[in-house]
């Protein structure tokens, strides 16, 4: 029976713990991605005690921050309140759901300046933290990490495929592409239906059927829907729901560009821009903007009026779209559903988890479009996603040549190959893109072999 999930971010938390220039840490992420569990488990592994305050469940705890924000006073009061003595380096102080107490969020500034020896972690939703950014956010006084749904590599590690996961995250595609491709494709197919929400992954690893997993995903979607009513301005609630529930229809289009008319016939940008911003801040959509040129820096060429949107988790997308559970038993269908949008959703999710801020590019005349573009170490890479084994890539070749880029990336169900102008990475290998690019970039630029 699997009781705990391995999360890669545990290593990042340990690195934070050992940093001599450590600041209070703010761990962000969408609801139900496992922030509370991760910090509690981190505290259990590395500290003698964890002093945890859950501001969502314990509203009275906010009163402890109503006086001055002197760290010594706060720690003394917290100790009396919880019965836990605080010892620097041995006690982890954990402010859970910190967005519910703006003054606790503000106090992180003073812990940074006056009590840097204390180990403080606060967790908060995107929505809550952004809501207080102007008034109480401790700008420059916190370290920040983001917890996403499990990546495919994390799923592999938890599914007993640690060595395969190791090779993938190292970008070592060549050594696993041949003999393990069929196994990895089957595991990827399952991941694309289960997704990366911890509750769904745990149920799956413990033998639950797809019907049970779909029920868990729908419970998460219901919780999100309740949050729309609870946290969003009342004037936006209906529009937020419209945007959210039409996401499958947006992705089912041949052209993934977000179209306001799909949300409501005749709708314009001004009708739904604020609702989209709210969903992005809440952390359950990724807004991928179009760039006018594939040049460094990509953010300098962003067209904010043109974008695609994806959901934070591919399993939740399957549930939101009400895809029939039998999809997992049909070899190729999971990759081709929605005209290949599930494959794009998967790639987007993995790129975001890797720390990229993906964009995309479309030729103004409509004759060429690149699914994603990223920059790494001063180099722009166009990425094309193929849902099957079709390797035709006219748009990718055009973009690479037009912008004189050293190399392009195509990801598909086909095997690994590196040609003169493009590398084909199997879809299951995309978690290793960053180290793969680091290892090959010089060779592509200079023409020398790796």
Protein backbone atom coordinates (compact mmCIF):
# COMPACT_ATOMS: atom_id res chain seq x y z
CA UNK A 1 0.00 0.00 0.00
CA UNK A 2 1.43 3.37 -1.03
CA UNK A 3 0.95 5.90 1.79
CA UNK A 4 3.35 8.67 0.80
CA UNK A 5 4.33 10.22 -2.49
CA UNK A 6 7.83 11.23 -3.44
CA UNK A 7 7.90 14.90 -4.45
CA UNK A 8 10.94 16.41 -6.13
CA UNK A 9 10.40 19.67 -4.29
CA UNK A 10 11.49 17.96 -1.06
CA UNK A 11 15.06 18.32 -2.30
CA UNK A 12 14.52 22.03 -2.92
CA UNK A 13 13.19 22.44 0.62
CA UNK A 14 16.30 20.77 2.02
CA UNK A 15 18.51 23.06 -0.07
CA UNK A 16 16.60 26.03 1.37
CA UNK A 17 17.13 24.68 4.91
CA UNK A 18 20.89 24.61 4.40
CA UNK A 19 21.29 27.99 2.70
CA UNK A 20 23.31 30.50 4.74
CA UNK A 21 21.33 33.35 3.14
CA UNK A 22 17.99 31.65 3.79
CA UNK A 23 14.90 33.87 4.05
CA UNK A 24 11.40 32.84 5.14
CA UNK A 25 10.00 30.58 2.44
CA UNK A 26 6.67 31.11 0.71
CA UNK A 27 5.42 27.90 -0.91
CA UNK A 28 2.68 28.59 -3.43
CA UNK A 29 0.46 26.32 -5.47
CA UNK A 30 -3.10 25.57 -6.46
CA UNK A 31 -5.43 23.91 -4.02
CA UNK A 32 -4.94 20.20 -3.33
CA UNK A 33 -1.48 19.95 -4.86
CA UNK A 34 -0.14 18.74 -1.50
CA UNK A 35 1.49 21.82 0.02
CA UNK A 36 0.45 21.08 3.62
CA UNK A 37 1.49 17.44 3.45
CA UNK A 38 4.86 18.31 1.90
CA UNK A 39 5.79 20.87 4.56
CA UNK A 40 4.64 18.60 7.40
CA UNK A 41 6.67 15.72 5.96
CA UNK A 42 9.68 18.01 5.50
CA UNK A 43 9.39 19.09 9.13
CA UNK A 44 9.09 15.50 10.31
CA UNK A 45 12.26 14.51 8.44
CA UNK A 46 14.54 17.40 9.27
CA UNK A 47 13.37 19.09 12.50
CA UNK A 48 12.69 18.16 16.11
CA UNK A 49 9.33 19.95 16.11
CA UNK A 50 6.89 21.60 13.72
CA UNK A 51 4.86 24.54 15.03
CA UNK A 52 1.98 24.75 12.59
CA UNK A 53 -0.75 27.36 12.46
CA UNK A 54 -3.59 26.73 10.00
CA UNK A 55 -5.18 30.13 9.46
CA UNK A 56 -8.02 28.63 7.43
CA UNK A 57 -9.22 26.33 10.21
CA UNK A 58 -8.11 28.39 13.20
CA UNK A 59 -9.34 31.95 12.64
CA UNK A 60 -8.51 32.90 16.25
CA UNK A 61 -4.80 32.45 15.52
CA UNK A 62 -4.87 35.63 13.45
CA UNK A 63 -5.32 37.58 16.70
CA UNK A 64 -1.71 36.69 17.59
CA UNK A 65 -0.59 39.04 14.81
CA UNK A 66 -2.76 42.01 15.76
CA UNK A 67 -0.11 43.60 17.96
CA UNK A 68 3.31 44.72 16.80
CA UNK A 69 5.09 42.39 14.41
CA UNK A 70 8.21 41.93 16.50
CA UNK A 71 9.39 38.34 15.78
CA UNK A 72 10.33 37.70 19.42
CA UNK A 73 6.84 38.60 20.61
CA UNK A 74 5.18 36.58 17.86
CA UNK A 75 7.25 33.47 18.61
CA UNK A 76 6.61 33.80 22.34
CA UNK A 77 2.87 34.06 21.77
CA UNK A 78 2.90 31.19 19.29
CA UNK A 79 4.70 29.01 21.82
CA UNK A 80 2.09 29.76 24.48
CA UNK A 81 -0.72 29.21 21.99
CA UNK A 82 0.52 25.82 20.77
CA UNK A 83 2.57 24.56 23.72
CA UNK A 84 5.60 24.10 21.45
CA UNK A 85 8.90 25.79 22.31
CA UNK A 86 10.68 27.34 19.34
CA UNK A 87 14.39 26.60 18.96
CA UNK A 88 16.18 28.14 15.98
CA UNK A 89 17.18 25.47 13.49
CA UNK A 90 15.38 22.72 15.40
CA UNK A 91 11.80 23.96 15.13
CA UNK A 92 10.08 24.57 11.82
CA UNK A 93 7.52 27.36 12.11
CA UNK A 94 4.78 26.71 9.57
CA UNK A 95 2.13 29.29 8.63
CA UNK A 96 -0.41 27.29 6.61
CA UNK A 97 -2.95 29.09 4.37
CA UNK A 98 -1.21 32.36 5.16
CA UNK A 99 -3.43 34.27 2.73
CA UNK A 100 -6.15 34.12 5.41
CA UNK A 101 -4.03 36.32 7.71
CA UNK A 102 -2.45 39.25 5.83
CA UNK A 103 -0.50 40.39 8.90
CA UNK A 104 1.13 36.97 9.21
CA UNK A 105 2.18 37.37 5.58
CA UNK A 106 3.59 40.82 6.38
CA UNK A 107 5.43 39.43 9.42
CA UNK A 108 7.70 37.43 7.12
CA UNK A 109 9.47 40.71 6.31
CA UNK A 110 10.42 41.16 9.95
CA UNK A 111 11.45 37.54 10.40
CA UNK A 112 13.78 38.04 7.45
CA UNK A 113 15.29 41.24 8.85
CA UNK A 114 15.31 40.57 12.60
CA UNK A 115 15.25 36.79 13.07
CA UNK A 116 16.99 35.21 10.06
CA UNK A 117 18.06 32.27 12.22
CA UNK A 118 14.47 31.05 12.44
CA UNK A 119 13.18 28.54 9.90
CA UNK A 120 9.82 29.84 8.67
CA UNK A 121 7.67 28.40 5.88
CA UNK A 122 4.33 29.85 4.80
CA UNK A 123 2.01 28.22 2.31
CA UNK A 124 -0.58 30.07 0.29
CA UNK A 125 -2.71 29.76 -2.78
CA UNK A 126 -1.87 31.89 -5.82
CA UNK A 127 -5.19 33.62 -5.45
CA UNK A 128 -4.71 34.53 -1.80
CA UNK A 129 -1.13 35.69 -2.13
CA UNK A 130 -1.79 37.85 -5.18
CA UNK A 131 -4.78 39.42 -3.42
CA UNK A 132 -2.46 40.84 -0.78
CA UNK A 133 0.47 41.67 -3.05
CA UNK A 134 -0.01 45.43 -2.93
CA UNK A 135 -0.73 45.86 0.77
CA UNK A 136 1.11 43.22 2.75
CA UNK A 137 3.34 41.13 0.51
CA UNK A 138 6.94 41.08 1.84
CA UNK A 139 8.62 41.98 -1.45
CA UNK A 140 12.25 40.86 -1.56
CA UNK A 141 12.08 39.37 1.93
CA UNK A 142 11.09 35.79 1.09
CA UNK A 143 12.36 32.87 -0.92
CA UNK A 144 9.67 31.39 -3.13
CA UNK A 145 8.86 27.93 -4.47
CA UNK A 146 5.85 26.59 -6.33
CA UNK A 147 4.33 23.14 -5.95
CA UNK A 148 2.69 21.82 -9.10
CA UNK A 149 0.77 18.58 -9.67
CA UNK A 150 3.06 15.58 -10.02
CA UNK A 151 5.06 15.54 -13.23
CA UNK A 152 5.27 12.39 -15.32
CA UNK A 153 8.76 11.73 -13.93
CA UNK A 154 7.43 11.99 -10.37
CA UNK A 155 4.61 9.64 -11.32
CA UNK A 156 7.18 7.14 -12.62
CA UNK A 157 9.20 7.32 -9.44
CA UNK A 158 6.15 6.66 -7.30
CA UNK A 159 5.04 3.84 -9.62
CA UNK A 160 8.21 1.85 -8.95
CA UNK A 161 10.06 3.04 -12.05
CA UNK A 162 12.75 5.00 -10.21
CA UNK A 163 15.59 4.17 -12.59
CA UNK A 164 13.64 5.15 -15.67
CA UNK A 165 12.65 8.41 -13.96
CA UNK A 166 16.30 9.01 -13.09
CA UNK A 167 17.42 8.72 -16.71
CA UNK A 168 14.58 10.90 -17.96
CA UNK A 169 15.13 13.80 -15.53
CA UNK A 170 18.84 13.67 -16.37
CA UNK A 171 17.98 14.18 -20.05
CA UNK A 172 19.53 10.81 -20.85
CA UNK A 173 16.98 9.99 -23.54
CA UNK A 174 19.28 7.99 -25.78
CA UNK A 175 19.79 5.17 -23.28
CA UNK A 176 16.11 4.50 -22.55
CA UNK A 177 14.49 5.31 -25.88
CA UNK A 178 14.80 1.84 -27.43
CA UNK A 179 14.12 -1.04 -25.03
CA UNK A 180 11.79 0.84 -22.69
CA UNK A 181 9.74 2.91 -25.14
CA UNK A 182 6.66 0.66 -25.12
CA UNK A 183 6.57 0.49 -21.32
CA UNK A 184 6.99 4.25 -21.01
CA UNK A 185 4.29 4.92 -23.59
CA UNK A 186 1.85 2.75 -21.63
CA UNK A 187 2.72 4.50 -18.36
CA UNK A 188 2.36 7.89 -20.03
CA UNK A 189 -1.08 6.91 -21.31
CA UNK A 190 -2.14 6.12 -17.73
CA UNK A 191 -0.62 9.34 -16.39
CA UNK A 192 -2.50 11.40 -18.96
CA UNK A 193 -5.80 10.08 -17.60
CA UNK A 194 -4.90 9.96 -13.89
CA UNK A 195 -3.05 13.27 -13.94
CA UNK A 196 -0.84 14.57 -11.18
CA UNK A 197 -3.17 15.58 -8.35
CA UNK A 198 -1.81 13.69 -5.30
CA UNK A 199 -5.15 12.21 -4.19
CA UNK A 200 -5.79 10.78 -7.66
CA UNK A 201 -2.24 9.43 -8.00
CA UNK A 202 -2.36 7.75 -4.58
CA UNK A 203 -5.66 6.09 -5.38
CA UNK A 204 -4.31 4.88 -8.72
CA UNK A 205 -1.11 3.48 -7.21
CA UNK A 206 -3.18 1.62 -4.63
CA UNK A 207 -5.20 -0.13 -7.30
CA UNK A 208 -8.28 2.07 -7.64
CA UNK A 209 -10.13 1.84 -10.92
CA UNK A 210 -10.54 4.74 -13.29
CA UNK A 211 -14.11 5.28 -12.07
CA UNK A 212 -12.88 5.89 -8.51
CA UNK A 213 -10.13 8.16 -9.76
CA UNK A 214 -12.61 10.12 -11.86
CA UNK A 215 -14.73 10.58 -8.70
CA UNK A 216 -11.71 12.05 -6.87
CA UNK A 217 -11.05 14.41 -9.77
CA UNK A 218 -14.67 15.54 -9.81
CA UNK A 219 -14.52 16.20 -6.06
CA UNK A 220 -11.54 18.48 -6.69
CA UNK A 221 -13.42 20.24 -9.49
CA UNK A 222 -16.41 20.70 -7.16
CA UNK A 223 -14.11 22.23 -4.53
CA UNK A 224 -12.77 24.66 -7.12
CA UNK A 225 -16.31 25.58 -8.10
CA UNK A 226 -17.18 26.32 -4.48
CA UNK A 227 -14.08 28.50 -4.23
CA UNK A 228 -15.29 30.55 -7.17
CA UNK A 229 -18.35 31.50 -5.12
CA UNK A 230 -16.40 31.94 -1.90
CA UNK A 231 -13.41 33.97 -3.04
CA UNK A 232 -14.20 35.69 -6.34
CA UNK A 233 -15.98 39.05 -6.54
CA UNK A 234 -19.68 38.28 -6.91
CA UNK A 235 -19.85 40.21 -10.19
CA UNK A 236 -17.29 37.79 -11.70
CA UNK A 237 -18.50 34.40 -10.44
CA UNK A 238 -20.75 33.54 -13.38
CA UNK A 239 -18.15 34.67 -15.91
CA UNK A 240 -15.39 32.70 -14.18
CA UNK A 241 -17.55 29.58 -14.36
CA UNK A 242 -18.26 30.20 -18.04
CA UNK A 243 -14.55 30.48 -18.86
CA UNK A 244 -13.66 27.45 -16.75
CA UNK A 245 -16.36 25.12 -18.06
CA UNK A 246 -15.69 25.99 -21.70
CA UNK A 247 -11.99 25.11 -21.44
CA UNK A 248 -12.51 21.67 -23.08
CA UNK A 249 -14.28 23.37 -26.00
CA UNK A 250 -11.39 25.83 -26.40
CA UNK A 251 -8.88 22.99 -26.55
CA UNK A 252 -10.98 20.87 -28.90
CA UNK A 253 -10.57 23.48 -31.66
CA UNK A 254 -8.02 22.84 -34.40
CA UNK A 255 -6.48 26.19 -33.53
CA UNK A 256 -5.95 26.39 -29.76
CA UNK A 257 -5.99 30.20 -29.68
CA UNK A 258 -8.42 31.36 -27.00
CA UNK A 259 -11.61 32.66 -28.60
CA UNK A 260 -13.98 34.72 -26.43
CA UNK A 261 -16.89 33.78 -28.67
CA UNK A 262 -16.56 30.15 -27.52
CA UNK A 263 -17.27 31.31 -23.96
CA UNK A 264 -20.31 33.29 -25.03
CA UNK A 265 -21.42 34.19 -28.56
CA UNK A 266 -20.55 37.81 -29.31
CA UNK A 267 -18.28 38.14 -26.25
CA UNK A 268 -15.30 40.52 -26.36
CA UNK A 269 -12.05 40.60 -24.43
CA UNK A 270 -13.29 43.26 -22.02
CA UNK A 271 -16.11 40.92 -20.95
CA UNK A 272 -13.86 38.14 -19.69
CA UNK A 273 -10.30 39.47 -19.20
CA UNK A 274 -10.74 39.95 -15.46
CA UNK A 275 -12.22 36.47 -15.06
CA UNK A 276 -9.26 34.91 -16.86
CA UNK A 277 -6.84 36.84 -14.64
CA UNK A 278 -8.68 35.55 -11.56
CA UNK A 279 -8.41 31.92 -12.73
CA UNK A 280 -4.71 32.40 -13.48
CA UNK A 281 -4.08 33.89 -10.04
CA UNK A 282 -6.04 31.05 -8.48
CA UNK A 283 -3.51 28.74 -10.10
CA UNK A 284 -5.65 26.41 -12.19
CA UNK A 285 -4.97 27.70 -15.69
CA UNK A 286 -1.79 28.42 -17.63
CA UNK A 287 -2.05 31.38 -20.01
CA UNK A 288 0.41 30.91 -22.88
CA UNK A 289 0.90 34.13 -24.83
CA UNK A 290 1.75 34.47 -28.49
CA UNK A 291 5.05 36.12 -29.40
CA UNK A 292 5.57 38.14 -32.57
CA UNK A 293 9.12 36.83 -33.06
CA UNK A 294 11.21 33.91 -31.86
CA UNK A 295 13.98 36.11 -30.53
CA UNK A 296 15.58 36.76 -27.17
CA UNK A 297 14.07 37.72 -24.81
CA UNK A 298 10.77 36.06 -25.71
CA UNK A 299 8.93 38.14 -23.12
CA UNK A 300 9.91 41.23 -25.07
CA UNK A 301 7.84 40.04 -28.04
CA UNK A 302 4.66 39.00 -26.21
CA UNK A 303 1.31 39.94 -27.72
CA UNK A 304 -0.88 40.05 -24.60
CA UNK A 305 -4.09 40.03 -26.63
CA UNK A 306 -3.42 36.62 -28.21
CA UNK A 307 -3.00 33.50 -26.11
CA UNK A 308 -3.82 29.85 -25.53
CA UNK A 309 -5.00 28.47 -22.19
CA UNK A 310 -4.39 25.11 -20.59
CA UNK A 311 -5.51 23.64 -17.26
CA UNK A 312 -3.09 23.04 -14.37
CA UNK A 313 -3.59 19.26 -14.47
CA UNK A 314 -4.28 16.91 -17.37
CA UNK A 315 -6.35 14.53 -15.23
CA UNK A 316 -8.64 17.37 -14.22
CA UNK A 317 -9.03 18.28 -17.89
CA UNK A 318 -10.14 14.71 -18.64
CA UNK A 319 -12.69 14.94 -15.82
CA UNK A 320 -13.87 18.42 -16.81
CA UNK A 321 -14.36 17.19 -20.38
CA UNK A 322 -16.06 14.04 -19.07
CA UNK A 323 -13.92 11.80 -21.25
CA UNK A 324 -15.15 8.23 -20.97
CA UNK A 325 -12.94 6.03 -18.74
CA UNK A 326 -12.44 3.46 -21.54
CA UNK A 327 -10.04 5.93 -23.17
CA UNK A 328 -7.21 4.38 -21.15
CA UNK A 329 -7.66 0.96 -22.78
CA UNK A 330 -7.39 2.20 -26.35
CA UNK A 331 -3.75 2.38 -27.35
CA UNK A 332 -3.59 5.67 -29.24
CA UNK A 333 -6.83 7.43 -28.41
CA UNK A 334 -5.59 9.19 -25.28
CA UNK A 335 -2.95 10.93 -27.40
CA UNK A 336 -5.26 11.92 -30.25
CA UNK A 337 -8.35 13.00 -28.30
CA UNK A 338 -9.33 16.67 -28.75
CA UNK A 339 -7.37 16.74 -32.02
CA UNK A 340 -4.20 16.12 -30.04
CA UNK A 341 -4.91 18.75 -27.38
CA UNK A 342 -4.25 16.28 -24.54
CA UNK A 343 -0.69 15.89 -25.79
CA UNK A 344 -0.26 19.69 -25.86
CA UNK A 345 -1.82 19.97 -22.39
CA UNK A 346 0.63 17.37 -21.11
CA UNK A 347 3.66 19.12 -22.60
CA UNK A 348 2.56 22.52 -21.30
CA UNK A 349 2.12 21.12 -17.80
CA UNK A 350 5.61 19.58 -17.80
CA UNK A 351 7.25 22.75 -19.17
CA UNK A 352 5.64 24.91 -16.49
CA UNK A 353 6.68 22.48 -13.74
CA UNK A 354 10.26 22.65 -15.05
CA UNK A 355 10.28 26.41 -14.49
CA UNK A 356 9.84 27.53 -18.09
CA UNK A 357 7.48 30.34 -19.06
CA UNK A 358 6.37 28.91 -22.40
CA UNK A 359 5.02 31.08 -25.18
CA UNK A 360 4.01 30.20 -28.73
CA UNK A 361 4.46 31.75 -32.17
CA UNK A 362 2.13 32.09 -35.15
CA UNK A 363 2.92 33.59 -38.53
CA UNK A 364 0.65 36.64 -39.09
CA UNK A 365 -0.51 35.21 -42.42
CA UNK A 366 -1.65 32.04 -40.66
CA UNK A 367 0.54 29.70 -42.70
CA UNK A 368 2.75 28.56 -39.81
CA UNK A 369 2.33 28.07 -36.07
CA UNK A 370 4.62 26.67 -33.37
CA UNK A 371 2.97 24.99 -30.38
CA UNK A 372 5.44 26.31 -27.79
CA UNK A 373 8.60 28.35 -27.59
CA UNK A 374 11.04 28.54 -24.68
CA UNK A 375 14.32 30.25 -24.00
CA UNK A 376 17.21 28.69 -22.12
CA UNK A 377 20.69 30.08 -21.57
CA UNK A 378 20.09 32.84 -24.10
CA UNK A 379 18.84 30.53 -26.86
CA UNK A 380 15.27 30.27 -28.18
CA UNK A 381 13.91 26.82 -28.99
CA UNK A 382 10.68 26.27 -30.95
CA UNK A 383 8.74 23.16 -29.87
CA UNK A 384 6.19 21.25 -31.89
CA UNK A 385 3.94 18.62 -30.28
CA UNK A 386 2.79 15.65 -32.34
CA UNK A 387 0.08 13.43 -30.88
CA UNK A 388 1.05 10.45 -33.04
CA UNK A 389 4.16 9.31 -34.90
CA UNK A 390 3.72 11.73 -37.80
CA UNK A 391 6.99 13.65 -38.02
CA UNK A 392 6.07 16.18 -40.71
CA UNK A 393 7.04 19.58 -39.35
CA UNK A 394 6.81 22.26 -42.05
CA UNK A 395 5.95 25.04 -39.58
CA UNK A 396 8.79 24.03 -37.29
CA UNK A 397 11.30 24.02 -40.13
CA UNK A 398 10.04 27.37 -41.37
CA UNK A 399 10.31 28.97 -37.91
CA UNK A 400 13.76 27.56 -37.29
CA UNK A 401 15.06 28.82 -40.64
CA UNK A 402 13.22 32.16 -40.61
CA UNK A 403 14.59 33.16 -37.19
CA UNK A 404 17.99 31.47 -37.70
CA UNK A 405 17.66 29.31 -34.60
CA UNK A 406 20.35 26.69 -33.85
CA UNK A 407 17.92 23.81 -33.34
CA UNK A 408 14.27 22.89 -32.98
CA UNK A 409 12.48 20.37 -30.75
CA UNK A 410 9.71 18.05 -31.85
CA UNK A 411 8.05 15.77 -29.29
CA UNK A 412 5.91 12.86 -30.39
CA UNK A 413 5.27 9.13 -30.00
CA UNK A 414 8.12 8.41 -32.42
CA UNK A 415 11.49 7.29 -31.12
CA UNK A 416 14.40 9.55 -30.24
CA UNK A 417 16.42 10.97 -33.11
CA UNK A 418 18.60 14.05 -33.54
CA UNK A 419 18.75 15.32 -37.10
CA UNK A 420 20.68 18.23 -38.55
CA UNK A 421 18.09 20.82 -37.55
CA UNK A 422 15.63 19.12 -35.18
CA UNK A 423 15.67 16.69 -32.26
CA UNK A 424 12.68 14.40 -31.81
CA UNK A 425 12.11 13.69 -28.13
CA UNK A 426 9.50 11.07 -27.21
CA UNK A 427 6.61 12.60 -25.26
CA UNK A 428 7.63 10.59 -22.21
CA UNK A 429 11.06 12.28 -22.19
CA UNK A 430 9.94 15.91 -21.99
CA UNK A 431 10.73 16.15 -18.24
CA UNK A 432 14.38 15.88 -19.19
CA UNK A 433 14.31 18.73 -21.70
CA UNK A 434 16.29 21.21 -19.61
CA UNK A 435 19.37 18.98 -19.02
CA UNK A 436 19.07 17.60 -22.55
CA UNK A 437 19.32 21.11 -24.00
CA UNK A 438 22.25 21.97 -21.74
CA UNK A 439 24.16 18.93 -22.94
CA UNK A 440 23.50 19.46 -26.65
CA UNK A 441 23.37 23.26 -27.03
CA UNK A 442 27.09 23.74 -27.70
CA UNK A 443 27.15 21.03 -30.34
CA UNK A 444 24.15 22.49 -32.15
CA UNK A 445 25.70 25.97 -32.07
CA UNK A 446 29.22 24.95 -33.14
CA UNK A 447 28.38 21.94 -35.28
CA UNK A 448 30.53 19.61 -33.15
CA UNK A 449 29.18 16.28 -31.90
CA UNK A 450 28.27 15.77 -28.23
